[in-house]
């Protein structure tokens, strides 16, 4: 079952965990067959939010919502169940400085 682990950090803590530590964590997950994909994201001030209303495209600079913590990256993992996904997420280094939200991936139906 696929789960996404969304990594959230406050702006001042974005560099609190070395990239090399996150890369080593991802490589370990990959070697154990848990990792599907993982990426770090640029800071929230580089974001654009896109909405389509009545066929009209509207683009706003910045994130969808103003929050103290921002989405800093994600790990897409393949775990047996939610419990295993939570155990995996607890090993993601930025969990020490921010939070990691674990959500099941929803399969789209035709």
PDB file of N, CA and C in Angstrom:
ATOM      1  N   UNK A   1       0.848  -1.167   0.000  1.00  0.00           N
ATOM      2  CA  UNK A   1       0.000   0.000   0.000  1.00  0.00           C
ATOM      3  C   UNK A   1       0.899   1.236   0.000  1.00  0.00           C
ATOM      4  N   UNK A   2       0.551   2.223  -0.815  1.00  0.00           N
ATOM      5  CA  UNK A   2       1.376   3.427  -0.898  1.00  0.00           C
ATOM      6  C   UNK A   2       0.891   4.485   0.090  1.00  0.00           C
ATOM      7  N   UNK A   3       1.872   5.167   0.679  1.00  0.00           N
ATOM      8  CA  UNK A   3       1.633   6.276   1.597  1.00  0.00           C
ATOM      9  C   UNK A   3       2.567   7.405   1.221  1.00  0.00           C
ATOM     10  N   UNK A   4       2.114   8.625   1.422  1.00  0.00           N
ATOM     11  CA  UNK A   4       2.996   9.769   1.260  1.00  0.00           C
ATOM     12  C   UNK A   4       3.302  10.310   2.653  1.00  0.00           C
ATOM     13  N   UNK A   5       4.561  10.592   2.880  1.00  0.00           N
ATOM     14  CA  UNK A   5       5.004  11.203   4.127  1.00  0.00           C
ATOM     15  C   UNK A   5       5.402  12.637   3.786  1.00  0.00           C
ATOM     16  N   UNK A   6       4.571  13.583   4.193  1.00  0.00           N
ATOM     17  CA  UNK A   6       4.780  14.991   3.889  1.00  0.00           C
ATOM     18  C   UNK A   6       5.580  15.634   5.022  1.00  0.00           C
ATOM     19  N   UNK A   7       6.706  16.227   4.673  1.00  0.00           N
ATOM     20  CA  UNK A   7       7.613  16.808   5.656  1.00  0.00           C
ATOM     21  C   UNK A   7       7.318  18.304   5.778  1.00  0.00           C
ATOM     22  N   UNK A   8       7.011  18.745   6.997  1.00  0.00           N
ATOM     23  CA  UNK A   8       6.728  20.158   7.268  1.00  0.00           C
ATOM     24  C   UNK A   8       7.760  20.711   8.242  1.00  0.00           C
ATOM     25  N   UNK A   9       8.271  21.905   7.915  1.00  0.00           N
ATOM     26  CA  UNK A   9       9.238  22.582   8.769  1.00  0.00           C
ATOM     27  C   UNK A   9       8.941  24.072   8.805  1.00  0.00           C
ATOM     28  N   UNK A  10       9.310  24.714   9.904  1.00  0.00           N
ATOM     29  CA  UNK A  10       9.259  26.169   9.963  1.00  0.00           C
ATOM     30  C   UNK A  10      10.389  26.706   9.096  1.00  0.00           C
ATOM     31  N   UNK A  11      10.189  27.895   8.547  1.00  0.00           N
ATOM     32  CA  UNK A  11      11.143  28.496   7.618  1.00  0.00           C
ATOM     33  C   UNK A  11      12.564  28.508   8.178  1.00  0.00           C
ATOM     34  N   UNK A  12      12.717  28.896   9.427  1.00  0.00           N
ATOM     35  CA  UNK A  12      14.064  29.003  10.004  1.00  0.00           C
ATOM     36  C   UNK A  12      14.706  27.645  10.265  1.00  0.00           C
ATOM     37  N   UNK A  13      13.963  26.563  10.135  1.00  0.00           N
ATOM     38  CA  UNK A  13      14.518  25.225  10.370  1.00  0.00           C
ATOM     39  C   UNK A  13      14.732  24.432   9.075  1.00  0.00           C
ATOM     40  N   UNK A  14      14.534  25.080   7.926  1.00  0.00           N
ATOM     41  CA  UNK A  14      14.674  24.366   6.653  1.00  0.00           C
ATOM     42  C   UNK A  14      16.066  23.765   6.465  1.00  0.00           C
ATOM     43  N   UNK A  15      17.081  24.369   7.029  1.00  0.00           N
ATOM     44  CA  UNK A  15      18.455  23.872   6.879  1.00  0.00           C
ATOM     45  C   UNK A  15      18.966  23.213   8.163  1.00  0.00           C
ATOM     46  N   UNK A  16      18.087  22.932   9.106  1.00  0.00           N
ATOM     47  CA  UNK A  16      18.500  22.355  10.393  1.00  0.00           C
ATOM     48  C   UNK A  16      19.011  20.925  10.251  1.00  0.00           C
ATOM     49  N   UNK A  17      18.519  20.212   9.273  1.00  0.00           N
ATOM     50  CA  UNK A  17      18.955  18.826   9.032  1.00  0.00           C
ATOM     51  C   UNK A  17      19.755  18.828   7.730  1.00  0.00           C
ATOM     52  N   UNK A  18      20.989  18.335   7.752  1.00  0.00           N
ATOM     53  CA  UNK A  18      21.812  18.330   6.536  1.00  0.00           C
ATOM     54  C   UNK A  18      21.178  17.505   5.406  1.00  0.00           C
ATOM     55  N   UNK A  19      21.297  18.014   4.185  1.00  0.00           N
ATOM     56  CA  UNK A  19      20.794  17.288   3.018  1.00  0.00           C
ATOM     57  C   UNK A  19      21.369  15.879   2.952  1.00  0.00           C
ATOM     58  N   UNK A  20      22.633  15.737   3.329  1.00  0.00           N
ATOM     59  CA  UNK A  20      23.284  14.422   3.258  1.00  0.00           C
ATOM     60  C   UNK A  20      22.575  13.407   4.155  1.00  0.00           C
ATOM     61  N   UNK A  21      22.057  13.853   5.293  1.00  0.00           N
ATOM     62  CA  UNK A  21      21.340  12.955   6.196  1.00  0.00           C
ATOM     63  C   UNK A  21      20.013  12.511   5.575  1.00  0.00           C
ATOM     64  N   UNK A  22      19.321  13.453   4.929  1.00  0.00           N
ATOM     65  CA  UNK A  22      18.054  13.111   4.262  1.00  0.00           C
ATOM     66  C   UNK A  22      18.299  12.167   3.083  1.00  0.00           C
ATOM     67  N   UNK A  23      19.381  12.413   2.340  1.00  0.00           N
ATOM     68  CA  UNK A  23      19.717  11.544   1.214  1.00  0.00           C
ATOM     69  C   UNK A  23      20.052  10.138   1.703  1.00  0.00           C
ATOM     70  N   UNK A  24      20.796  10.035   2.788  1.00  0.00           N
ATOM     71  CA  UNK A  24      21.147   8.725   3.339  1.00  0.00           C
ATOM     72  C   UNK A  24      19.895   7.989   3.810  1.00  0.00           C
ATOM     73  N   UNK A  25      18.971   8.708   4.410  1.00  0.00           N
ATOM     74  CA  UNK A  25      17.705   8.114   4.850  1.00  0.00           C
ATOM     75  C   UNK A  25      16.935   7.565   3.645  1.00  0.00           C
ATOM     76  N   UNK A  26      16.800   8.373   2.608  1.00  0.00           N
ATOM     77  CA  UNK A  26      16.099   7.944   1.398  1.00  0.00           C
ATOM     78  C   UNK A  26      16.775   6.745   0.752  1.00  0.00           C
ATOM     79  N   UNK A  27      18.101   6.763   0.704  1.00  0.00           N
ATOM     80  CA  UNK A  27      18.832   5.632   0.125  1.00  0.00           C
ATOM     81  C   UNK A  27      18.592   4.360   0.921  1.00  0.00           C
ATOM     82  N   UNK A  28      18.536   4.478   2.239  1.00  0.00           N
ATOM     83  CA  UNK A  28      18.246   3.317   3.088  1.00  0.00           C
ATOM     84  C   UNK A  28      16.849   2.769   2.833  1.00  0.00           C
ATOM     85  N   UNK A  29      15.872   3.674   2.711  1.00  0.00           N
ATOM     86  CA  UNK A  29      14.501   3.252   2.399  1.00  0.00           C
ATOM     87  C   UNK A  29      14.457   2.569   1.030  1.00  0.00           C
ATOM     88  N   UNK A  30      15.204   3.126   0.063  1.00  0.00           N
ATOM     89  CA  UNK A  30      15.232   2.553  -1.293  1.00  0.00           C
ATOM     90  C   UNK A  30      15.811   1.144  -1.270  1.00  0.00           C
ATOM     91  N   UNK A  31      16.916   0.974  -0.551  1.00  0.00           N
ATOM     92  CA  UNK A  31      17.578  -0.340  -0.461  1.00  0.00           C
ATOM     93  C   UNK A  31      16.677  -1.383   0.211  1.00  0.00           C
ATOM     94  N   UNK A  32      15.824  -0.942   1.124  1.00  0.00           N
ATOM     95  CA  UNK A  32      14.929  -1.882   1.810  1.00  0.00           C
ATOM     96  C   UNK A  32      13.629  -2.112   1.043  1.00  0.00           C
ATOM     97  N   UNK A  33      13.481  -1.438  -0.107  1.00  0.00           N
ATOM     98  CA  UNK A  33      12.293  -1.627  -0.937  1.00  0.00           C
ATOM     99  C   UNK A  33      11.092  -0.799  -0.510  1.00  0.00           C
ATOM    100  N   UNK A  34      11.285   0.137   0.414  1.00  0.00           N
ATOM    101  CA  UNK A  34      10.167   0.953   0.900  1.00  0.00           C
ATOM    102  C   UNK A  34       9.934   2.217   0.072  1.00  0.00           C
ATOM    103  N   UNK A  35      10.988   2.770  -0.509  1.00  0.00           N
ATOM    104  CA  UNK A  35      10.895   4.076  -1.158  1.00  0.00           C
ATOM    105  C   UNK A  35      10.468   3.964  -2.615  1.00  0.00           C
ATOM    106  N   UNK A  36       9.424   4.707  -2.964  1.00  0.00           N
ATOM    107  CA  UNK A  36       8.992   4.827  -4.351  1.00  0.00           C
ATOM    108  C   UNK A  36       9.615   6.083  -4.951  1.00  0.00           C
ATOM    109  N   UNK A  37       9.553   7.211  -4.214  1.00  0.00           N
ATOM    110  CA  UNK A  37      10.116   8.479  -4.665  1.00  0.00           C
ATOM    111  C   UNK A  37      10.280   9.393  -3.460  1.00  0.00           C
ATOM    112  N   UNK A  38      11.189  10.355  -3.573  1.00  0.00           N
ATOM    113  CA  UNK A  38      11.371  11.360  -2.524  1.00  0.00           C
ATOM    114  C   UNK A  38      11.978  12.596  -3.157  1.00  0.00           C
ATOM    115  N   UNK A  39      11.540  13.749  -2.721  1.00  0.00           N
ATOM    116  CA  UNK A  39      12.084  15.005  -3.226  1.00  0.00           C
ATOM    117  C   UNK A  39      11.992  16.075  -2.150  1.00  0.00           C
ATOM    118  N   UNK A  40      12.988  16.935  -2.102  1.00  0.00           N
ATOM    119  CA  UNK A  40      12.933  18.146  -1.285  1.00  0.00           C
ATOM    120  C   UNK A  40      12.329  19.243  -2.158  1.00  0.00           C
ATOM    121  N   UNK A  41      11.661  20.191  -1.541  1.00  0.00           N
ATOM    122  CA  UNK A  41      11.030  21.273  -2.274  1.00  0.00           C
ATOM    123  C   UNK A  41      11.748  22.593  -2.008  1.00  0.00           C
ATOM    124  N   UNK A  42      11.691  23.485  -2.988  1.00  0.00           N
ATOM    125  CA  UNK A  42      12.213  24.836  -2.805  1.00  0.00           C
ATOM    126  C   UNK A  42      11.355  25.545  -1.753  1.00  0.00           C
ATOM    127  N   UNK A  43      11.862  26.639  -1.149  1.00  0.00           N
ATOM    128  CA  UNK A  43      11.092  27.354  -0.130  1.00  0.00           C
ATOM    129  C   UNK A  43       9.730  27.833  -0.645  1.00  0.00           C
ATOM    130  N   UNK A  44       8.827  28.026   0.287  1.00  0.00           N
ATOM    131  CA  UNK A  44       7.448  28.368  -0.019  1.00  0.00           C
ATOM    132  C   UNK A  44       7.327  29.679  -0.805  1.00  0.00           C
ATOM    133  N   UNK A  45       8.291  30.586  -0.683  1.00  0.00           N
ATOM    134  CA  UNK A  45       8.185  31.851  -1.423  1.00  0.00           C
ATOM    135  C   UNK A  45       8.401  31.669  -2.922  1.00  0.00           C
ATOM    136  N   UNK A  46       8.761  30.455  -3.359  1.00  0.00           N
ATOM    137  CA  UNK A  46       8.895  30.172  -4.792  1.00  0.00           C
ATOM    138  C   UNK A  46       7.616  29.554  -5.368  1.00  0.00           C
ATOM    139  N   UNK A  47       6.623  29.323  -4.508  1.00  0.00           N
ATOM    140  CA  UNK A  47       5.393  28.630  -4.918  1.00  0.00           C
ATOM    141  C   UNK A  47       4.454  29.536  -5.712  1.00  0.00           C
ATOM    142  N   UNK A  48       3.647  28.902  -6.532  1.00  0.00           N
ATOM    143  CA  UNK A  48       2.522  29.546  -7.210  1.00  0.00           C
ATOM    144  C   UNK A  48       1.305  28.667  -6.964  1.00  0.00           C
ATOM    145  N   UNK A  49       0.183  29.295  -6.684  1.00  0.00           N
ATOM    146  CA  UNK A  49      -1.057  28.556  -6.473  1.00  0.00           C
ATOM    147  C   UNK A  49      -1.967  28.808  -7.666  1.00  0.00           C
ATOM    148  N   UNK A  50      -2.463  27.740  -8.272  1.00  0.00           N
ATOM    149  CA  UNK A  50      -3.294  27.815  -9.475  1.00  0.00           C
ATOM    150  C   UNK A  50      -4.718  27.400  -9.125  1.00  0.00           C
ATOM    151  N   UNK A  51      -5.670  28.215  -9.557  1.00  0.00           N
ATOM    152  CA  UNK A  51      -7.087  27.891  -9.391  1.00  0.00           C
ATOM    153  C   UNK A  51      -7.774  28.104 -10.738  1.00  0.00           C
ATOM    154  N   UNK A  52      -8.764  27.275 -11.034  1.00  0.00           N
ATOM    155  CA  UNK A  52      -9.584  27.471 -12.229  1.00  0.00           C
ATOM    156  C   UNK A  52     -11.018  27.642 -11.758  1.00  0.00           C
ATOM    157  N   UNK A  53     -11.617  28.773 -12.063  1.00  0.00           N
ATOM    158  CA  UNK A  53     -13.000  29.075 -11.696  1.00  0.00           C
ATOM    159  C   UNK A  53     -13.736  29.553 -12.934  1.00  0.00           C
ATOM    160  N   UNK A  54     -14.830  28.875 -13.238  1.00  0.00           N
ATOM    161  CA  UNK A  54     -15.634  29.227 -14.411  1.00  0.00           C
ATOM    162  C   UNK A  54     -14.780  29.302 -15.669  1.00  0.00           C
ATOM    163  N   UNK A  55     -13.842  28.361 -15.811  1.00  0.00           N
ATOM    164  CA  UNK A  55     -12.997  28.300 -16.991  1.00  0.00           C
ATOM    165  C   UNK A  55     -11.864  29.310 -17.010  1.00  0.00           C
ATOM    166  N   UNK A  56     -11.735  30.104 -15.977  1.00  0.00           N
ATOM    167  CA  UNK A  56     -10.699  31.144 -15.913  1.00  0.00           C
ATOM    168  C   UNK A  56      -9.577  30.683 -14.975  1.00  0.00           C
ATOM    169  N   UNK A  57      -8.339  30.770 -15.459  1.00  0.00           N
ATOM    170  CA  UNK A  57      -7.177  30.382 -14.672  1.00  0.00           C
ATOM    171  C   UNK A  57      -6.689  31.587 -13.869  1.00  0.00           C
ATOM    172  N   UNK A  58      -6.532  31.366 -12.568  1.00  0.00           N
ATOM    173  CA  UNK A  58      -6.002  32.416 -11.690  1.00  0.00           C
ATOM    174  C   UNK A  58      -4.754  31.880 -11.012  1.00  0.00           C
ATOM    175  N   UNK A  59      -3.685  32.663 -11.032  1.00  0.00           N
ATOM    176  CA  UNK A  59      -2.424  32.268 -10.421  1.00  0.00           C
ATOM    177  C   UNK A  59      -2.078  33.282  -9.341  1.00  0.00           C
ATOM    178  N   UNK A  60      -1.761  32.768  -8.155  1.00  0.00           N
ATOM    179  CA  UNK A  60      -1.374  33.607  -7.032  1.00  0.00           C
ATOM    180  C   UNK A  60       0.027  33.215  -6.614  1.00  0.00           C
ATOM    181  N   UNK A  61       0.887  34.201  -6.393  1.00  0.00           N
ATOM    182  CA  UNK A  61       2.217  33.906  -5.878  1.00  0.00           C
ATOM    183  C   UNK A  61       2.095  33.426  -4.447  1.00  0.00           C
ATOM    184  N   UNK A  62       2.874  32.409  -4.116  1.00  0.00           N
ATOM    185  CA  UNK A  62       2.893  31.916  -2.750  1.00  0.00           C
ATOM    186  C   UNK A  62       2.064  30.666  -2.572  1.00  0.00           C
ATOM    187  N   UNK A  63       2.051  30.169  -1.356  1.00  0.00           N
ATOM    188  CA  UNK A  63       1.363  28.905  -1.051  1.00  0.00           C
ATOM    189  C   UNK A  63      -0.141  29.085  -0.971  1.00  0.00           C
ATOM    190  N   UNK A  64      -0.839  27.962  -0.947  1.00  0.00           N
ATOM    191  CA  UNK A  64      -2.299  27.956  -0.830  1.00  0.00           C
ATOM    192  C   UNK A  64      -2.739  28.570   0.486  1.00  0.00           C
ATOM    193  N   UNK A  65      -2.058  28.223   1.570  1.00  0.00           N
ATOM    194  CA  UNK A  65      -2.444  28.699   2.898  1.00  0.00           C
ATOM    195  C   UNK A  65      -1.226  29.255   3.626  1.00  0.00           C
ATOM    196  N   UNK A  66      -1.439  30.281   4.396  1.00  0.00           N
ATOM    197  CA  UNK A  66      -0.374  30.838   5.231  1.00  0.00           C
ATOM    198  C   UNK A  66      -0.322  30.041   6.526  1.00  0.00           C
ATOM    199  N   UNK A  67       0.779  29.375   6.763  1.00  0.00           N
ATOM    200  CA  UNK A  67       0.942  28.596   7.986  1.00  0.00           C
ATOM    201  C   UNK A  67       2.341  28.807   8.530  1.00  0.00           C
ATOM    202  N   UNK A  68       2.538  28.464   9.782  1.00  0.00           N
ATOM    203  CA  UNK A  68       3.848  28.591  10.411  1.00  0.00           C
ATOM    204  C   UNK A  68       4.828  27.596   9.792  1.00  0.00           C
ATOM    205  N   UNK A  69       4.382  26.349   9.614  1.00  0.00           N
ATOM    206  CA  UNK A  69       5.218  25.333   8.980  1.00  0.00           C
ATOM    207  C   UNK A  69       4.884  25.260   7.496  1.00  0.00           C
ATOM    208  N   UNK A  70       5.876  24.954   6.687  1.00  0.00           N
ATOM    209  CA  UNK A  70       5.657  24.828   5.255  1.00  0.00           C
ATOM    210  C   UNK A  70       6.056  23.447   4.771  1.00  0.00           C
ATOM    211  N   UNK A  71       5.446  23.036   3.678  1.00  0.00           N
ATOM    212  CA  UNK A  71       5.776  21.748   3.071  1.00  0.00           C
ATOM    213  C   UNK A  71       7.185  21.845   2.512  1.00  0.00           C
ATOM    214  N   UNK A  72       8.085  21.023   3.046  1.00  0.00           N
ATOM    215  CA  UNK A  72       9.496  21.085   2.676  1.00  0.00           C
ATOM    216  C   UNK A  72       9.903  19.953   1.743  1.00  0.00           C
ATOM    217  N   UNK A  73       9.113  18.879   1.701  1.00  0.00           N
ATOM    218  CA  UNK A  73       9.447  17.745   0.851  1.00  0.00           C
ATOM    219  C   UNK A  73       8.518  16.586   1.130  1.00  0.00           C
ATOM    220  N   UNK A  74       8.770  15.482   0.421  1.00  0.00           N
ATOM    221  CA  UNK A  74       7.921  14.306   0.607  1.00  0.00           C
ATOM    222  C   UNK A  74       8.703  13.033   0.337  1.00  0.00           C
ATOM    223  N   UNK A  75       8.211  11.960   0.917  1.00  0.00           N
ATOM    224  CA  UNK A  75       8.681  10.602   0.651  1.00  0.00           C
ATOM    225  C   UNK A  75       7.446   9.803   0.265  1.00  0.00           C
ATOM    226  N   UNK A  76       7.466   9.157  -0.878  1.00  0.00           N
ATOM    227  CA  UNK A  76       6.396   8.250  -1.280  1.00  0.00           C
ATOM    228  C   UNK A  76       6.893   6.847  -0.966  1.00  0.00           C
ATOM    229  N   UNK A  77       6.195   6.178  -0.058  1.00  0.00           N
ATOM    230  CA  UNK A  77       6.667   4.876   0.405  1.00  0.00           C
ATOM    231  C   UNK A  77       5.629   3.794   0.135  1.00  0.00           C
ATOM    232  N   UNK A  78       6.106   2.579   0.044  1.00  0.00           N
ATOM    233  CA  UNK A  78       5.257   1.412  -0.150  1.00  0.00           C
ATOM    234  C   UNK A  78       5.381   0.570   1.111  1.00  0.00           C
ATOM    235  N   UNK A  79       4.356   0.595   1.952  1.00  0.00           N
ATOM    236  CA  UNK A  79       4.390  -0.093   3.246  1.00  0.00           C
ATOM    237  C   UNK A  79       3.252  -1.098   3.336  1.00  0.00           C
ATOM    238  N   UNK A  80       3.373  -2.043   4.264  1.00  0.00           N
ATOM    239  CA  UNK A  80       2.325  -3.046   4.466  1.00  0.00           C
ATOM    240  C   UNK A  80       1.007  -2.407   4.911  1.00  0.00           C
ATOM    241  N   UNK A  81       1.131  -1.440   5.835  1.00  0.00           N
ATOM    242  CA  UNK A  81      -0.058  -0.829   6.421  1.00  0.00           C
ATOM    243  C   UNK A  81       0.331   0.512   7.045  1.00  0.00           C
ATOM    244  N   UNK A  82      -0.646   1.182   7.648  1.00  0.00           N
ATOM    245  CA  UNK A  82      -0.407   2.486   8.254  1.00  0.00           C
ATOM    246  C   UNK A  82       0.632   2.411   9.364  1.00  0.00           C
ATOM    247  N   UNK A  83       0.598   1.357  10.154  1.00  0.00           N
ATOM    248  CA  UNK A  83       1.576   1.230  11.244  1.00  0.00           C
ATOM    249  C   UNK A  83       3.004   1.209  10.720  1.00  0.00           C
ATOM    250  N   UNK A  84       3.249   0.446   9.656  1.00  0.00           N
ATOM    251  CA  UNK A  84       4.594   0.420   9.087  1.00  0.00           C
ATOM    252  C   UNK A  84       4.951   1.781   8.497  1.00  0.00           C
ATOM    253  N   UNK A  85       3.986   2.431   7.845  1.00  0.00           N
ATOM    254  CA  UNK A  85       4.236   3.754   7.269  1.00  0.00           C
ATOM    255  C   UNK A  85       4.614   4.762   8.354  1.00  0.00           C
ATOM    256  N   UNK A  86       3.960   4.690   9.502  1.00  0.00           N
ATOM    257  CA  UNK A  86       4.279   5.588  10.619  1.00  0.00           C
ATOM    258  C   UNK A  86       5.678   5.284  11.157  1.00  0.00           C
ATOM    259  N   UNK A  87       6.032   4.019  11.242  1.00  0.00           N
ATOM    260  CA  UNK A  87       7.374   3.651  11.690  1.00  0.00           C
ATOM    261  C   UNK A  87       8.433   4.196  10.738  1.00  0.00           C
ATOM    262  N   UNK A  88       8.173   4.081   9.431  1.00  0.00           N
ATOM    263  CA  UNK A  88       9.096   4.617   8.433  1.00  0.00           C
ATOM    264  C   UNK A  88       9.194   6.130   8.592  1.00  0.00           C
ATOM    265  N   UNK A  89       8.062   6.815   8.711  1.00  0.00           N
ATOM    266  CA  UNK A  89       8.051   8.276   8.833  1.00  0.00           C
ATOM    267  C   UNK A  89       8.814   8.747  10.069  1.00  0.00           C
ATOM    268  N   UNK A  90       8.786   7.967  11.123  1.00  0.00           N
ATOM    269  CA  UNK A  90       9.489   8.359  12.351  1.00  0.00           C
ATOM    270  C   UNK A  90      11.003   8.366  12.167  1.00  0.00           C
ATOM    271  N   UNK A  91      11.489   7.737  11.111  1.00  0.00           N
ATOM    272  CA  UNK A  91      12.927   7.687  10.833  1.00  0.00           C
ATOM    273  C   UNK A  91      13.372   8.797   9.881  1.00  0.00           C
ATOM    274  N   UNK A  92      12.440   9.574   9.357  1.00  0.00           N
ATOM    275  CA  UNK A  92      12.782  10.673   8.451  1.00  0.00           C
ATOM    276  C   UNK A  92      13.423  11.787   9.291  1.00  0.00           C
ATOM    277  N   UNK A  93      14.674  12.161   8.992  1.00  0.00           N
ATOM    278  CA  UNK A  93      15.404  13.097   9.854  1.00  0.00           C
ATOM    279  C   UNK A  93      14.678  14.406  10.202  1.00  0.00           C
ATOM    280  N   UNK A  94      13.999  15.095   9.277  1.00  0.00           N
ATOM    281  CA  UNK A  94      13.341  16.346   9.659  1.00  0.00           C
ATOM    282  C   UNK A  94      12.201  16.186  10.671  1.00  0.00           C
ATOM    283  N   UNK A  95      11.786  14.960  10.967  1.00  0.00           N
ATOM    284  CA  UNK A  95      10.761  14.760  11.997  1.00  0.00           C
ATOM    285  C   UNK A  95      11.253  15.272  13.345  1.00  0.00           C
ATOM    286  N   UNK A  96      12.572  15.337  13.519  1.00  0.00           N
ATOM    287  CA  UNK A  96      13.148  15.864  14.770  1.00  0.00           C
ATOM    288  C   UNK A  96      12.955  17.364  14.907  1.00  0.00           C
ATOM    289  N   UNK A  97      12.821  18.071  13.794  1.00  0.00           N
ATOM    290  CA  UNK A  97      12.741  19.534  13.806  1.00  0.00           C
ATOM    291  C   UNK A  97      11.348  20.062  13.472  1.00  0.00           C
ATOM    292  N   UNK A  98      10.554  19.266  12.760  1.00  0.00           N
ATOM    293  CA  UNK A  98       9.226  19.701  12.340  1.00  0.00           C
ATOM    294  C   UNK A  98       8.231  18.586  12.532  1.00  0.00           C
ATOM    295  N   UNK A  99       7.485  18.282  11.487  1.00  0.00           N
ATOM    296  CA  UNK A  99       6.507  17.194  11.564  1.00  0.00           C
ATOM    297  C   UNK A  99       6.440  16.474  10.229  1.00  0.00           C
ATOM    298  N   UNK A 100       5.963  15.234  10.278  1.00  0.00           N
ATOM    299  CA  UNK A 100       5.770  14.432   9.068  1.00  0.00           C
ATOM    300  C   UNK A 100       4.339  13.913   9.090  1.00  0.00           C
ATOM    301  N   UNK A 101       3.567  14.325   8.104  1.00  0.00           N
ATOM    302  CA  UNK A 101       2.178  13.876   7.968  1.00  0.00           C
ATOM    303  C   UNK A 101       2.158  12.639   7.075  1.00  0.00           C
ATOM    304  N   UNK A 102       1.533  11.573   7.537  1.00  0.00           N
ATOM    305  CA  UNK A 102       1.448  10.329   6.773  1.00  0.00           C
ATOM    306  C   UNK A 102       0.022  10.183   6.266  1.00  0.00           C
ATOM    307  N   UNK A 103      -0.113   9.999   4.944  1.00  0.00           N
ATOM    308  CA  UNK A 103      -1.447   9.828   4.349  1.00  0.00           C
ATOM    309  C   UNK A 103      -1.411   8.719   3.321  1.00  0.00           C
ATOM    310  N   UNK A 104      -2.455   7.882   3.315  1.00  0.00           N
ATOM    311  CA  UNK A 104      -2.536   6.859   2.276  1.00  0.00           C
ATOM    312  C   UNK A 104      -2.773   7.499   0.916  1.00  0.00           C
ATOM    313  N   UNK A 105      -2.213   6.890  -0.103  1.00  0.00           N
ATOM    314  CA  UNK A 105      -2.454   7.339  -1.481  1.00  0.00           C
ATOM    315  C   UNK A 105      -3.773   6.753  -1.941  1.00  0.00           C
ATOM    316  N   UNK A 106      -4.614   7.561  -2.544  1.00  0.00           N
ATOM    317  CA  UNK A 106      -5.899   7.114  -3.033  1.00  0.00           C
ATOM    318  C   UNK A 106      -5.777   6.748  -4.505  1.00  0.00           C
ATOM    319  N   UNK A 107      -6.174   5.524  -4.818  1.00  0.00           N
ATOM    320  CA  UNK A 107      -6.178   5.083  -6.221  1.00  0.00           C
ATOM    321  C   UNK A 107      -7.344   5.747  -6.946  1.00  0.00           C
ATOM    322  N   UNK A 108      -7.066   6.309  -8.112  1.00  0.00           N
ATOM    323  CA  UNK A 108      -8.139   6.903  -8.912  1.00  0.00           C
ATOM    324  C   UNK A 108      -8.894   5.798  -9.648  1.00  0.00           C
ATOM    325  N   UNK A 109     -10.196   5.943  -9.705  1.00  0.00           N
ATOM    326  CA  UNK A 109     -11.015   4.967 -10.423  1.00  0.00           C
ATOM    327  C   UNK A 109     -11.520   5.590 -11.714  1.00  0.00           C
ATOM    328  N   UNK A 110     -11.473   4.839 -12.806  1.00  0.00           N
ATOM    329  CA  UNK A 110     -11.925   5.387 -14.095  1.00  0.00           C
ATOM    330  C   UNK A 110     -13.428   5.615 -14.136  1.00  0.00           C
TER     331      UNK A 110
END
